[in-house]
Amino acid sequence: MVLFRGRGVEGGMAEVGTLKQARLAFVATLLVILSGCTGRPDGVEPVTSFDISRYRGVWYEILRLDHSFERGLTNVTATYTLRDDGSVGVLNRGFARANCRWKEADGRAVFQGPPDTASLSVTFFWPFAGGYHVFALDRQDYGWAMISGPSHDFLWILARKPDLSPEIRQRLVENARGLGFPVDELMLVDHGPTTCVPGGSP
């Protein structure tokens, strides 16, 4: 989001009352936009009876809808930790083979409602937050999970190991397809060796 400071055609100052109204309107618009970023797609229902203490730890990204903030990254993991203030630490890490470097993003997540409902708001750059909604979960072992962002354009399938059986993958993909996610655009995340030559091929 880019914010602009404008002036009138003649370069004059706006009246105080009008300026105050404009500021209030801007704040209201900003709040609507930010709340939309933490919402969830139609049809997506977060998992209930969720146990964050079992969810914490390292997860491997298996499939994702690609976006600029992850483009070109392999070996992507997400590590969740419990903080003393009740929030959740989020550390995302991935390997950029183009320049042989690891990239990290450190954030903080809070529950949007009860802590047994897997709907969180994650912030990497204050004050902008994004929705994180676990809507499919291996309830027995917490071995895999499927997460959406605020819209159908954001989808991740995670697992406790760098691979997930084709049967489970297909079942989760079909689940997401039925909810309107563009699953044909999902990419399989490479978790192979991270040795490479800068500017060259692995």
N, C-alpha and C. Protein backbone atom coordinates (compact mmCIF):
# COMPACT_ATOMS: atom_id res chain seq x y z
N MET A 1 0.84 -1.19 0.00
CA MET A 1 0.00 0.00 0.00
C MET A 1 0.88 1.24 0.00
N VAL A 2 0.61 2.17 -0.89
CA VAL A 2 1.36 3.44 -0.97
C VAL A 2 0.43 4.57 -0.59
N LEU A 3 0.89 5.41 0.32
CA LEU A 3 0.07 6.52 0.77
C LEU A 3 0.56 7.81 0.15
N PHE A 4 -0.37 8.66 -0.25
CA PHE A 4 -0.02 9.93 -0.89
C PHE A 4 -0.52 11.09 -0.06
N ARG A 5 0.22 12.15 -0.07
CA ARG A 5 -0.23 13.41 0.53
C ARG A 5 -0.55 14.36 -0.62
N GLY A 6 -1.79 14.76 -0.73
CA GLY A 6 -2.21 15.58 -1.86
C GLY A 6 -2.39 17.05 -1.50
N ARG A 7 -2.42 17.87 -2.52
CA ARG A 7 -2.70 19.29 -2.36
C ARG A 7 -3.80 19.66 -3.33
N GLY A 8 -4.47 20.78 -3.03
CA GLY A 8 -5.52 21.27 -3.92
C GLY A 8 -4.93 21.78 -5.22
N VAL A 9 -5.80 22.01 -6.20
CA VAL A 9 -5.36 22.49 -7.51
C VAL A 9 -4.62 23.81 -7.38
N GLU A 10 -5.08 24.67 -6.51
CA GLU A 10 -4.46 25.97 -6.34
C GLU A 10 -3.41 25.97 -5.24
N GLY A 11 -3.10 24.83 -4.69
CA GLY A 11 -2.06 24.74 -3.67
C GLY A 11 -2.50 25.23 -2.31
N GLY A 12 -3.80 25.49 -2.12
CA GLY A 12 -4.27 26.00 -0.84
C GLY A 12 -4.44 24.90 0.18
N MET A 13 -4.61 25.30 1.46
CA MET A 13 -4.84 24.33 2.53
C MET A 13 -6.32 24.05 2.64
N ALA A 14 -6.68 22.82 2.91
CA ALA A 14 -8.07 22.47 3.11
C ALA A 14 -8.55 23.01 4.44
N GLU A 15 -9.82 23.24 4.55
CA GLU A 15 -10.39 23.69 5.82
C GLU A 15 -10.20 22.60 6.87
N VAL A 16 -10.06 23.01 8.14
CA VAL A 16 -9.79 22.06 9.20
C VAL A 16 -10.87 20.99 9.29
N GLY A 17 -12.12 21.40 9.20
CA GLY A 17 -13.21 20.44 9.30
C GLY A 17 -13.17 19.42 8.18
N THR A 18 -12.93 19.89 6.97
CA THR A 18 -12.87 18.99 5.83
C THR A 18 -11.68 18.05 5.95
N LEU A 19 -10.54 18.58 6.40
CA LEU A 19 -9.34 17.76 6.56
C LEU A 19 -9.56 16.68 7.61
N LYS A 20 -10.22 17.04 8.71
CA LYS A 20 -10.50 16.06 9.75
C LYS A 20 -11.39 14.95 9.24
N GLN A 21 -12.41 15.32 8.47
CA GLN A 21 -13.31 14.33 7.90
C GLN A 21 -12.56 13.40 6.95
N ALA A 22 -11.66 13.98 6.16
CA ALA A 22 -10.89 13.18 5.22
C ALA A 22 -10.00 12.18 5.96
N ARG A 23 -9.41 12.65 7.07
CA ARG A 23 -8.56 11.74 7.85
C ARG A 23 -9.36 10.60 8.45
N LEU A 24 -10.55 10.92 8.97
CA LEU A 24 -11.40 9.89 9.54
C LEU A 24 -11.82 8.88 8.47
N ALA A 25 -12.14 9.38 7.28
CA ALA A 25 -12.52 8.49 6.20
C ALA A 25 -11.35 7.60 5.80
N PHE A 26 -10.15 8.19 5.79
CA PHE A 26 -8.96 7.40 5.44
C PHE A 26 -8.71 6.31 6.46
N VAL A 27 -8.80 6.65 7.75
CA VAL A 27 -8.58 5.66 8.80
C VAL A 27 -9.60 4.54 8.69
N ALA A 28 -10.87 4.89 8.45
CA ALA A 28 -11.91 3.88 8.32
C ALA A 28 -11.63 2.96 7.14
N THR A 29 -11.19 3.55 6.01
CA THR A 29 -10.86 2.75 4.83
C THR A 29 -9.69 1.83 5.11
N LEU A 30 -8.67 2.36 5.80
CA LEU A 30 -7.49 1.56 6.13
C LEU A 30 -7.86 0.37 7.00
N LEU A 31 -8.74 0.60 7.99
CA LEU A 31 -9.15 -0.49 8.86
C LEU A 31 -9.89 -1.57 8.09
N VAL A 32 -10.72 -1.17 7.14
CA VAL A 32 -11.45 -2.14 6.33
C VAL A 32 -10.47 -2.97 5.51
N ILE A 33 -9.46 -2.31 4.91
CA ILE A 33 -8.48 -3.02 4.09
C ILE A 33 -7.69 -4.00 4.93
N LEU A 34 -7.23 -3.55 6.11
CA LEU A 34 -6.42 -4.41 6.96
C LEU A 34 -7.23 -5.59 7.48
N SER A 35 -8.50 -5.35 7.83
CA SER A 35 -9.32 -6.46 8.32
C SER A 35 -9.56 -7.46 7.21
N GLY A 36 -9.66 -6.99 5.95
CA GLY A 36 -9.83 -7.90 4.83
C GLY A 36 -8.63 -8.79 4.64
N CYS A 37 -7.44 -8.31 4.98
CA CYS A 37 -6.22 -9.10 4.82
C CYS A 37 -6.15 -10.24 5.82
N THR A 38 -6.88 -10.13 6.92
CA THR A 38 -6.86 -11.20 7.93
C THR A 38 -8.10 -12.08 7.85
N GLY A 39 -8.97 -11.80 6.89
CA GLY A 39 -10.17 -12.61 6.72
C GLY A 39 -9.82 -13.96 6.10
N ARG A 40 -10.85 -14.70 5.73
CA ARG A 40 -10.62 -16.01 5.12
C ARG A 40 -11.54 -16.18 3.92
N PRO A 41 -11.17 -17.05 2.98
CA PRO A 41 -11.97 -17.24 1.77
C PRO A 41 -13.33 -17.86 2.08
N ASP A 42 -14.28 -17.59 1.22
CA ASP A 42 -15.60 -18.20 1.35
C ASP A 42 -15.47 -19.72 1.34
N GLY A 43 -16.17 -20.36 2.25
CA GLY A 43 -16.19 -21.81 2.31
C GLY A 43 -15.11 -22.42 3.18
N VAL A 44 -14.10 -21.64 3.56
CA VAL A 44 -13.01 -22.16 4.38
C VAL A 44 -13.37 -22.03 5.85
N GLU A 45 -13.36 -23.15 6.56
CA GLU A 45 -13.67 -23.16 7.98
C GLU A 45 -12.44 -23.63 8.75
N PRO A 46 -11.91 -22.80 9.64
CA PRO A 46 -10.73 -23.20 10.42
C PRO A 46 -11.00 -24.43 11.29
N VAL A 47 -9.97 -25.21 11.49
CA VAL A 47 -10.05 -26.39 12.34
C VAL A 47 -10.38 -25.97 13.77
N THR A 48 -11.26 -26.69 14.42
CA THR A 48 -11.56 -26.46 15.84
C THR A 48 -10.91 -27.58 16.67
N SER A 49 -10.97 -27.43 17.97
CA SER A 49 -10.25 -28.34 18.88
C SER A 49 -8.76 -28.38 18.51
N PHE A 50 -8.25 -27.23 18.13
CA PHE A 50 -6.87 -27.08 17.68
C PHE A 50 -5.95 -26.94 18.89
N ASP A 51 -4.79 -27.61 18.83
CA ASP A 51 -3.83 -27.59 19.94
C ASP A 51 -2.52 -26.99 19.44
N ILE A 52 -2.29 -25.72 19.76
CA ILE A 52 -1.10 -25.04 19.27
C ILE A 52 0.18 -25.66 19.82
N SER A 53 0.12 -26.28 21.00
CA SER A 53 1.32 -26.90 21.56
C SER A 53 1.74 -28.11 20.72
N ARG A 54 0.79 -28.79 20.08
CA ARG A 54 1.12 -29.90 19.19
C ARG A 54 1.52 -29.40 17.80
N TYR A 55 1.04 -28.22 17.45
CA TYR A 55 1.32 -27.66 16.12
C TYR A 55 2.71 -27.02 16.05
N ARG A 56 3.24 -26.61 17.18
CA ARG A 56 4.52 -25.92 17.18
C ARG A 56 5.63 -26.84 16.65
N GLY A 57 6.75 -26.22 16.28
CA GLY A 57 7.86 -26.98 15.72
C GLY A 57 8.05 -26.69 14.25
N VAL A 58 8.81 -27.56 13.58
CA VAL A 58 9.18 -27.35 12.18
C VAL A 58 8.19 -28.05 11.26
N TRP A 59 7.77 -27.31 10.21
CA TRP A 59 6.93 -27.85 9.15
C TRP A 59 7.62 -27.61 7.81
N TYR A 60 7.52 -28.59 6.92
CA TYR A 60 8.08 -28.48 5.58
C TYR A 60 6.98 -28.11 4.59
N GLU A 61 7.28 -27.16 3.72
CA GLU A 61 6.33 -26.77 2.69
C GLU A 61 6.36 -27.81 1.58
N ILE A 62 5.21 -28.44 1.31
CA ILE A 62 5.12 -29.49 0.29
C ILE A 62 4.59 -28.94 -1.03
N LEU A 63 3.48 -28.25 -0.97
CA LEU A 63 2.87 -27.61 -2.14
C LEU A 63 2.48 -26.19 -1.79
N ARG A 64 2.54 -25.31 -2.78
CA ARG A 64 2.12 -23.93 -2.53
C ARG A 64 1.63 -23.29 -3.82
N LEU A 65 0.77 -22.28 -3.65
CA LEU A 65 0.48 -21.35 -4.73
C LEU A 65 1.58 -20.30 -4.66
N ASP A 66 2.30 -20.12 -5.74
CA ASP A 66 3.50 -19.29 -5.71
C ASP A 66 3.16 -17.80 -5.69
N HIS A 67 3.98 -17.04 -4.96
CA HIS A 67 3.86 -15.59 -4.89
C HIS A 67 5.25 -14.99 -4.87
N SER A 68 5.32 -13.70 -5.11
CA SER A 68 6.62 -13.04 -5.25
C SER A 68 7.49 -13.19 -4.01
N PHE A 69 6.88 -13.23 -2.82
CA PHE A 69 7.68 -13.31 -1.60
C PHE A 69 8.32 -14.68 -1.39
N GLU A 70 7.89 -15.69 -2.18
CA GLU A 70 8.51 -17.01 -2.08
C GLU A 70 9.11 -17.48 -3.41
N ARG A 71 8.98 -16.65 -4.43
CA ARG A 71 9.38 -17.09 -5.77
C ARG A 71 10.86 -17.47 -5.81
N GLY A 72 11.15 -18.62 -6.40
CA GLY A 72 12.52 -19.08 -6.53
C GLY A 72 13.08 -19.77 -5.32
N LEU A 73 12.29 -19.89 -4.25
CA LEU A 73 12.79 -20.51 -3.02
C LEU A 73 12.48 -22.00 -2.99
N THR A 74 13.47 -22.79 -2.58
CA THR A 74 13.31 -24.21 -2.36
C THR A 74 13.55 -24.49 -0.88
N ASN A 75 13.36 -25.74 -0.47
CA ASN A 75 13.67 -26.15 0.90
C ASN A 75 13.00 -25.24 1.93
N VAL A 76 11.77 -24.87 1.66
CA VAL A 76 11.07 -23.91 2.53
C VAL A 76 10.51 -24.62 3.77
N THR A 77 10.78 -24.02 4.92
CA THR A 77 10.23 -24.52 6.18
C THR A 77 9.59 -23.37 6.95
N ALA A 78 8.69 -23.73 7.83
CA ALA A 78 8.07 -22.78 8.76
C ALA A 78 8.22 -23.37 10.16
N THR A 79 8.76 -22.58 11.06
CA THR A 79 8.96 -23.03 12.44
C THR A 79 8.12 -22.17 13.36
N TYR A 80 7.28 -22.81 14.17
CA TYR A 80 6.37 -22.11 15.07
C TYR A 80 6.81 -22.35 16.52
N THR A 81 6.88 -21.29 17.29
CA THR A 81 7.28 -21.37 18.70
C THR A 81 6.25 -20.64 19.54
N LEU A 82 6.12 -21.06 20.79
CA LEU A 82 5.19 -20.41 21.71
C LEU A 82 5.92 -19.36 22.51
N ARG A 83 5.36 -18.16 22.57
CA ARG A 83 5.98 -17.05 23.29
C ARG A 83 5.31 -16.86 24.65
N ASP A 84 6.05 -16.21 25.54
CA ASP A 84 5.54 -16.01 26.90
C ASP A 84 4.27 -15.17 26.93
N ASP A 85 4.10 -14.28 25.95
CA ASP A 85 2.92 -13.42 25.95
C ASP A 85 1.70 -14.09 25.33
N GLY A 86 1.81 -15.36 24.98
CA GLY A 86 0.68 -16.08 24.40
C GLY A 86 0.63 -16.05 22.89
N SER A 87 1.50 -15.26 22.25
CA SER A 87 1.54 -15.22 20.80
C SER A 87 2.41 -16.36 20.27
N VAL A 88 2.46 -16.47 18.96
CA VAL A 88 3.21 -17.55 18.30
C VAL A 88 4.31 -16.93 17.45
N GLY A 89 5.54 -17.37 17.67
CA GLY A 89 6.64 -16.94 16.82
C GLY A 89 6.62 -17.71 15.52
N VAL A 90 6.87 -17.02 14.41
CA VAL A 90 6.85 -17.63 13.09
C VAL A 90 8.17 -17.33 12.39
N LEU A 91 8.90 -18.37 12.03
CA LEU A 91 10.14 -18.20 11.28
C LEU A 91 10.04 -18.98 9.98
N ASN A 92 9.95 -18.25 8.87
CA ASN A 92 9.91 -18.87 7.55
C ASN A 92 11.32 -18.82 6.95
N ARG A 93 11.74 -19.93 6.34
CA ARG A 93 13.09 -20.02 5.82
C ARG A 93 13.08 -20.76 4.49
N GLY A 94 13.82 -20.26 3.51
CA GLY A 94 13.89 -20.90 2.21
C GLY A 94 15.24 -20.64 1.56
N PHE A 95 15.59 -21.49 0.60
CA PHE A 95 16.88 -21.42 -0.06
C PHE A 95 16.73 -20.86 -1.46
N ALA A 96 17.46 -19.79 -1.75
CA ALA A 96 17.45 -19.17 -3.08
C ALA A 96 18.63 -19.73 -3.87
N ARG A 97 18.35 -20.65 -4.78
CA ARG A 97 19.42 -21.29 -5.52
C ARG A 97 20.12 -20.34 -6.48
N ALA A 98 19.43 -19.29 -6.90
CA ALA A 98 20.02 -18.36 -7.85
C ALA A 98 21.29 -17.71 -7.31
N ASN A 99 21.33 -17.46 -5.99
CA ASN A 99 22.53 -16.87 -5.41
C ASN A 99 23.06 -17.65 -4.21
N CYS A 100 22.59 -18.89 -4.06
CA CYS A 100 23.09 -19.79 -3.01
C CYS A 100 22.98 -19.17 -1.62
N ARG A 101 21.82 -18.61 -1.30
CA ARG A 101 21.65 -17.97 0.00
C ARG A 101 20.34 -18.40 0.62
N TRP A 102 20.38 -18.52 1.95
CA TRP A 102 19.15 -18.75 2.71
C TRP A 102 18.48 -17.41 2.97
N LYS A 103 17.14 -17.41 2.89
CA LYS A 103 16.36 -16.22 3.21
C LYS A 103 15.42 -16.55 4.35
N GLU A 104 15.25 -15.59 5.25
CA GLU A 104 14.38 -15.80 6.41
C GLU A 104 13.43 -14.63 6.60
N ALA A 105 12.28 -14.93 7.17
CA ALA A 105 11.31 -13.92 7.57
C ALA A 105 10.81 -14.28 8.95
N ASP A 106 10.96 -13.36 9.88
CA ASP A 106 10.61 -13.60 11.28
C ASP A 106 9.34 -12.81 11.61
N GLY A 107 8.31 -13.50 12.08
CA GLY A 107 7.05 -12.82 12.35
C GLY A 107 6.41 -13.27 13.65
N ARG A 108 5.21 -12.79 13.86
CA ARG A 108 4.47 -13.06 15.10
C ARG A 108 3.00 -13.28 14.73
N ALA A 109 2.40 -14.30 15.33
CA ALA A 109 1.00 -14.61 15.05
C ALA A 109 0.19 -14.59 16.33
N VAL A 110 -1.06 -14.16 16.22
CA VAL A 110 -1.99 -14.18 17.35
C VAL A 110 -3.31 -14.78 16.87
N PHE A 111 -4.00 -15.44 17.76
CA PHE A 111 -5.29 -16.02 17.42
C PHE A 111 -6.31 -14.91 17.21
N GLN A 112 -7.15 -15.09 16.19
CA GLN A 112 -8.19 -14.10 15.92
C GLN A 112 -9.42 -14.34 16.78
N GLY A 113 -9.48 -15.50 17.41
CA GLY A 113 -10.60 -15.84 18.28
C GLY A 113 -10.10 -16.76 19.37
N PRO A 114 -10.88 -17.75 19.75
CA PRO A 114 -10.44 -18.70 20.78
C PRO A 114 -9.19 -19.46 20.34
N PRO A 115 -8.29 -19.76 21.26
CA PRO A 115 -7.04 -20.45 20.90
C PRO A 115 -7.22 -21.90 20.46
N ASP A 116 -8.44 -22.42 20.52
CA ASP A 116 -8.66 -23.77 20.01
C ASP A 116 -9.28 -23.75 18.62
N THR A 117 -9.32 -22.56 18.01
CA THR A 117 -9.76 -22.42 16.62
C THR A 117 -8.58 -21.93 15.80
N ALA A 118 -8.22 -22.68 14.75
CA ALA A 118 -6.97 -22.44 14.02
C ALA A 118 -7.10 -21.31 13.00
N SER A 119 -7.42 -20.14 13.49
CA SER A 119 -7.49 -18.93 12.66
C SER A 119 -6.63 -17.87 13.32
N LEU A 120 -5.53 -17.52 12.66
CA LEU A 120 -4.58 -16.58 13.26
C LEU A 120 -4.33 -15.40 12.33
N SER A 121 -3.76 -14.38 12.90
CA SER A 121 -3.31 -13.21 12.16
C SER A 121 -1.80 -13.13 12.31
N VAL A 122 -1.08 -13.14 11.18
CA VAL A 122 0.37 -13.16 11.20
C VAL A 122 0.91 -11.82 10.71
N THR A 123 1.86 -11.28 11.46
CA THR A 123 2.48 -10.00 11.09
C THR A 123 3.97 -10.18 10.91
N PHE A 124 4.45 -9.80 9.73
CA PHE A 124 5.89 -9.77 9.47
C PHE A 124 6.38 -8.33 9.41
N PHE A 125 5.52 -7.42 8.93
CA PHE A 125 5.86 -6.00 8.84
C PHE A 125 4.70 -5.22 9.44
N TRP A 126 4.89 -4.72 10.67
CA TRP A 126 3.83 -3.97 11.34
C TRP A 126 3.52 -2.71 10.53
N PRO A 127 2.23 -2.33 10.40
CA PRO A 127 1.03 -2.90 11.03
C PRO A 127 0.28 -3.87 10.11
N PHE A 128 0.92 -4.33 9.06
CA PHE A 128 0.20 -5.14 8.08
C PHE A 128 0.21 -6.61 8.48
N ALA A 129 -0.98 -7.18 8.55
CA ALA A 129 -1.14 -8.58 8.99
C ALA A 129 -1.86 -9.37 7.92
N GLY A 130 -1.65 -10.66 7.93
CA GLY A 130 -2.32 -11.54 6.98
C GLY A 130 -3.00 -12.68 7.70
N GLY A 131 -4.08 -13.17 7.13
CA GLY A 131 -4.79 -14.29 7.71
C GLY A 131 -4.04 -15.60 7.52
N TYR A 132 -4.11 -16.47 8.51
CA TYR A 132 -3.49 -17.79 8.48
C TYR A 132 -4.52 -18.74 9.05
N HIS A 133 -5.10 -19.58 8.18
CA HIS A 133 -6.23 -20.41 8.59
C HIS A 133 -5.95 -21.87 8.26
N VAL A 134 -5.77 -22.68 9.31
CA VAL A 134 -5.59 -24.12 9.12
C VAL A 134 -6.98 -24.73 8.94
N PHE A 135 -7.26 -25.25 7.73
CA PHE A 135 -8.61 -25.77 7.49
C PHE A 135 -8.63 -27.27 7.21
N ALA A 136 -7.46 -27.90 7.22
CA ALA A 136 -7.39 -29.36 7.15
C ALA A 136 -6.16 -29.77 7.95
N LEU A 137 -6.30 -30.82 8.77
CA LEU A 137 -5.23 -31.17 9.70
C LEU A 137 -5.27 -32.66 10.01
N ASP A 138 -4.09 -33.26 10.08
CA ASP A 138 -3.96 -34.63 10.57
C ASP A 138 -4.15 -34.58 12.09
N ARG A 139 -5.37 -34.80 12.53
CA ARG A 139 -5.69 -34.61 13.95
C ARG A 139 -5.03 -35.66 14.84
N GLN A 140 -4.71 -36.81 14.28
CA GLN A 140 -4.12 -37.87 15.10
C GLN A 140 -2.65 -37.58 15.42
N ASP A 141 -1.86 -37.27 14.40
CA ASP A 141 -0.42 -37.10 14.60
C ASP A 141 0.09 -35.69 14.35
N TYR A 142 -0.77 -34.78 13.89
CA TYR A 142 -0.33 -33.46 13.48
C TYR A 142 0.85 -33.59 12.50
N GLY A 143 0.65 -34.52 11.54
CA GLY A 143 1.71 -34.81 10.58
C GLY A 143 1.61 -34.02 9.29
N TRP A 144 0.42 -33.46 8.98
CA TRP A 144 0.25 -32.61 7.81
C TRP A 144 -0.84 -31.59 8.09
N ALA A 145 -0.82 -30.51 7.32
CA ALA A 145 -1.81 -29.45 7.50
C ALA A 145 -1.99 -28.71 6.18
N MET A 146 -3.17 -28.14 5.99
CA MET A 146 -3.44 -27.31 4.82
C MET A 146 -3.91 -25.95 5.31
N ILE A 147 -3.29 -24.90 4.76
CA ILE A 147 -3.49 -23.53 5.26
C ILE A 147 -3.90 -22.62 4.12
N SER A 148 -4.82 -21.73 4.40
CA SER A 148 -5.18 -20.68 3.44
C SER A 148 -4.80 -19.33 4.01
N GLY A 149 -4.62 -18.38 3.11
CA GLY A 149 -4.47 -16.99 3.51
C GLY A 149 -5.83 -16.31 3.48
N PRO A 150 -5.85 -15.00 3.21
CA PRO A 150 -7.12 -14.26 3.24
C PRO A 150 -8.01 -14.49 2.03
N SER A 151 -7.47 -15.11 0.97
CA SER A 151 -8.28 -15.34 -0.23
C SER A 151 -7.88 -16.68 -0.85
N HIS A 152 -8.57 -17.07 -1.90
CA HIS A 152 -8.27 -18.33 -2.57
C HIS A 152 -6.94 -18.28 -3.32
N ASP A 153 -6.30 -17.14 -3.35
CA ASP A 153 -5.00 -17.02 -4.03
C ASP A 153 -3.85 -17.52 -3.17
N PHE A 154 -4.11 -17.87 -1.91
CA PHE A 154 -3.06 -18.28 -0.99
C PHE A 154 -3.38 -19.67 -0.43
N LEU A 155 -2.49 -20.62 -0.69
CA LEU A 155 -2.71 -21.98 -0.23
C LEU A 155 -1.37 -22.66 -0.01
N TRP A 156 -1.24 -23.34 1.11
CA TRP A 156 -0.03 -24.10 1.42
C TRP A 156 -0.43 -25.47 1.97
N ILE A 157 0.32 -26.50 1.59
CA ILE A 157 0.22 -27.81 2.21
C ILE A 157 1.56 -28.09 2.88
N LEU A 158 1.52 -28.34 4.20
CA LEU A 158 2.73 -28.53 4.99
C LEU A 158 2.75 -29.94 5.58
N ALA A 159 3.95 -30.40 5.91
CA ALA A 159 4.09 -31.71 6.55
C ALA A 159 5.29 -31.67 7.49
N ARG A 160 5.34 -32.62 8.38
CA ARG A 160 6.43 -32.70 9.34
C ARG A 160 7.72 -33.24 8.72
N LYS A 161 7.59 -33.85 7.54
CA LYS A 161 8.74 -34.36 6.82
C LYS A 161 8.80 -33.69 5.45
N PRO A 162 9.95 -33.73 4.77
CA PRO A 162 10.07 -33.04 3.48
C PRO A 162 9.23 -33.66 2.36
N ASP A 163 8.53 -34.74 2.64
CA ASP A 163 7.71 -35.37 1.62
C ASP A 163 6.39 -35.80 2.25
N LEU A 164 5.41 -36.02 1.39
CA LEU A 164 4.09 -36.45 1.83
C LEU A 164 3.60 -37.45 0.80
N SER A 165 2.95 -38.50 1.25
CA SER A 165 2.55 -39.56 0.32
C SER A 165 1.64 -39.00 -0.77
N PRO A 166 1.78 -39.53 -2.00
CA PRO A 166 0.93 -39.06 -3.10
C PRO A 166 -0.56 -39.18 -2.80
N GLU A 167 -0.94 -40.20 -2.05
CA GLU A 167 -2.36 -40.39 -1.74
C GLU A 167 -2.89 -39.25 -0.87
N ILE A 168 -2.14 -38.89 0.15
CA ILE A 168 -2.58 -37.79 1.02
C ILE A 168 -2.54 -36.47 0.26
N ARG A 169 -1.48 -36.26 -0.52
CA ARG A 169 -1.39 -35.04 -1.32
C ARG A 169 -2.60 -34.88 -2.22
N GLN A 170 -2.95 -35.95 -2.92
CA GLN A 170 -4.07 -35.89 -3.86
C GLN A 170 -5.38 -35.62 -3.13
N ARG A 171 -5.56 -36.24 -1.97
CA ARG A 171 -6.79 -36.03 -1.21
C ARG A 171 -6.91 -34.57 -0.76
N LEU A 172 -5.81 -33.99 -0.31
CA LEU A 172 -5.84 -32.60 0.12
C LEU A 172 -6.06 -31.65 -1.05
N VAL A 173 -5.43 -31.94 -2.18
CA VAL A 173 -5.61 -31.11 -3.37
C VAL A 173 -7.06 -31.13 -3.82
N GLU A 174 -7.68 -32.29 -3.81
CA GLU A 174 -9.08 -32.38 -4.22
C GLU A 174 -9.99 -31.66 -3.24
N ASN A 175 -9.64 -31.71 -1.96
CA ASN A 175 -10.38 -30.96 -0.94
C ASN A 175 -10.32 -29.47 -1.26
N ALA A 176 -9.11 -28.99 -1.56
CA ALA A 176 -8.93 -27.56 -1.87
C ALA A 176 -9.64 -27.18 -3.16
N ARG A 177 -9.61 -28.08 -4.14
CA ARG A 177 -10.30 -27.81 -5.40
C ARG A 177 -11.79 -27.58 -5.17
N GLY A 178 -12.36 -28.43 -4.31
CA GLY A 178 -13.78 -28.30 -4.02
C GLY A 178 -14.15 -27.00 -3.33
N LEU A 179 -13.16 -26.36 -2.70
CA LEU A 179 -13.40 -25.08 -2.02
C LEU A 179 -13.09 -23.88 -2.92
N GLY A 180 -12.70 -24.14 -4.16
CA GLY A 180 -12.49 -23.04 -5.10
C GLY A 180 -11.06 -22.57 -5.26
N PHE A 181 -10.08 -23.27 -4.68
CA PHE A 181 -8.68 -22.88 -4.86
C PHE A 181 -8.19 -23.30 -6.25
N PRO A 182 -7.33 -22.50 -6.89
CA PRO A 182 -6.80 -22.84 -8.22
C PRO A 182 -5.69 -23.88 -8.11
N VAL A 183 -6.05 -25.11 -7.78
CA VAL A 183 -5.06 -26.12 -7.45
C VAL A 183 -4.19 -26.53 -8.63
N ASP A 184 -4.64 -26.26 -9.86
CA ASP A 184 -3.82 -26.58 -11.02
C ASP A 184 -2.56 -25.72 -11.06
N GLU A 185 -2.54 -24.66 -10.26
CA GLU A 185 -1.37 -23.77 -10.21
C GLU A 185 -0.44 -24.10 -9.05
N LEU A 186 -0.77 -25.13 -8.28
CA LEU A 186 0.10 -25.51 -7.16
C LEU A 186 1.46 -25.98 -7.67
N MET A 187 2.51 -25.61 -6.95
CA MET A 187 3.85 -26.08 -7.30
C MET A 187 4.39 -26.96 -6.19
N LEU A 188 5.10 -28.02 -6.58
CA LEU A 188 5.74 -28.92 -5.65
C LEU A 188 7.07 -28.33 -5.22
N VAL A 189 7.28 -28.23 -3.92
CA VAL A 189 8.49 -27.59 -3.39
C VAL A 189 9.64 -28.59 -3.33
N ASP A 190 10.77 -28.18 -3.88
CA ASP A 190 11.96 -29.02 -3.91
C ASP A 190 12.66 -28.96 -2.54
N HIS A 191 12.95 -30.14 -1.99
CA HIS A 191 13.70 -30.23 -0.75
C HIS A 191 14.99 -31.02 -0.94
N GLY A 192 15.58 -30.89 -2.13
CA GLY A 192 16.82 -31.58 -2.43
C GLY A 192 18.02 -30.89 -1.82
N PRO A 193 19.23 -31.37 -2.15
CA PRO A 193 20.47 -30.77 -1.62
C PRO A 193 20.55 -29.28 -1.93
N THR A 194 21.13 -28.52 -1.00
CA THR A 194 21.21 -27.07 -1.16
C THR A 194 22.59 -26.61 -1.63
N THR A 195 23.37 -27.51 -2.16
CA THR A 195 24.66 -27.12 -2.73
C THR A 195 24.45 -26.57 -4.12
N CYS A 196 25.11 -25.47 -4.44
CA CYS A 196 25.01 -24.90 -5.76
C CYS A 196 26.19 -23.97 -6.00
N VAL A 197 26.32 -23.54 -7.24
CA VAL A 197 27.38 -22.61 -7.62
C VAL A 197 26.72 -21.27 -7.92
N PRO A 198 27.12 -20.19 -7.22
CA PRO A 198 26.50 -18.88 -7.47
C PRO A 198 26.52 -18.53 -8.95
N GLY A 199 25.34 -18.17 -9.46
CA GLY A 199 25.24 -17.79 -10.85
C GLY A 199 25.18 -18.96 -11.80
N GLY A 200 25.22 -20.18 -11.24
CA GLY A 200 25.21 -21.37 -12.09
C GLY A 200 24.10 -22.31 -11.71
N SER A 201 24.26 -23.56 -12.03
CA SER A 201 23.23 -24.56 -11.75
C SER A 201 23.61 -25.35 -10.51
N PRO A 202 22.61 -25.94 -9.83
CA PRO A 202 22.91 -26.77 -8.65
C PRO A 202 23.82 -27.93 -9.03
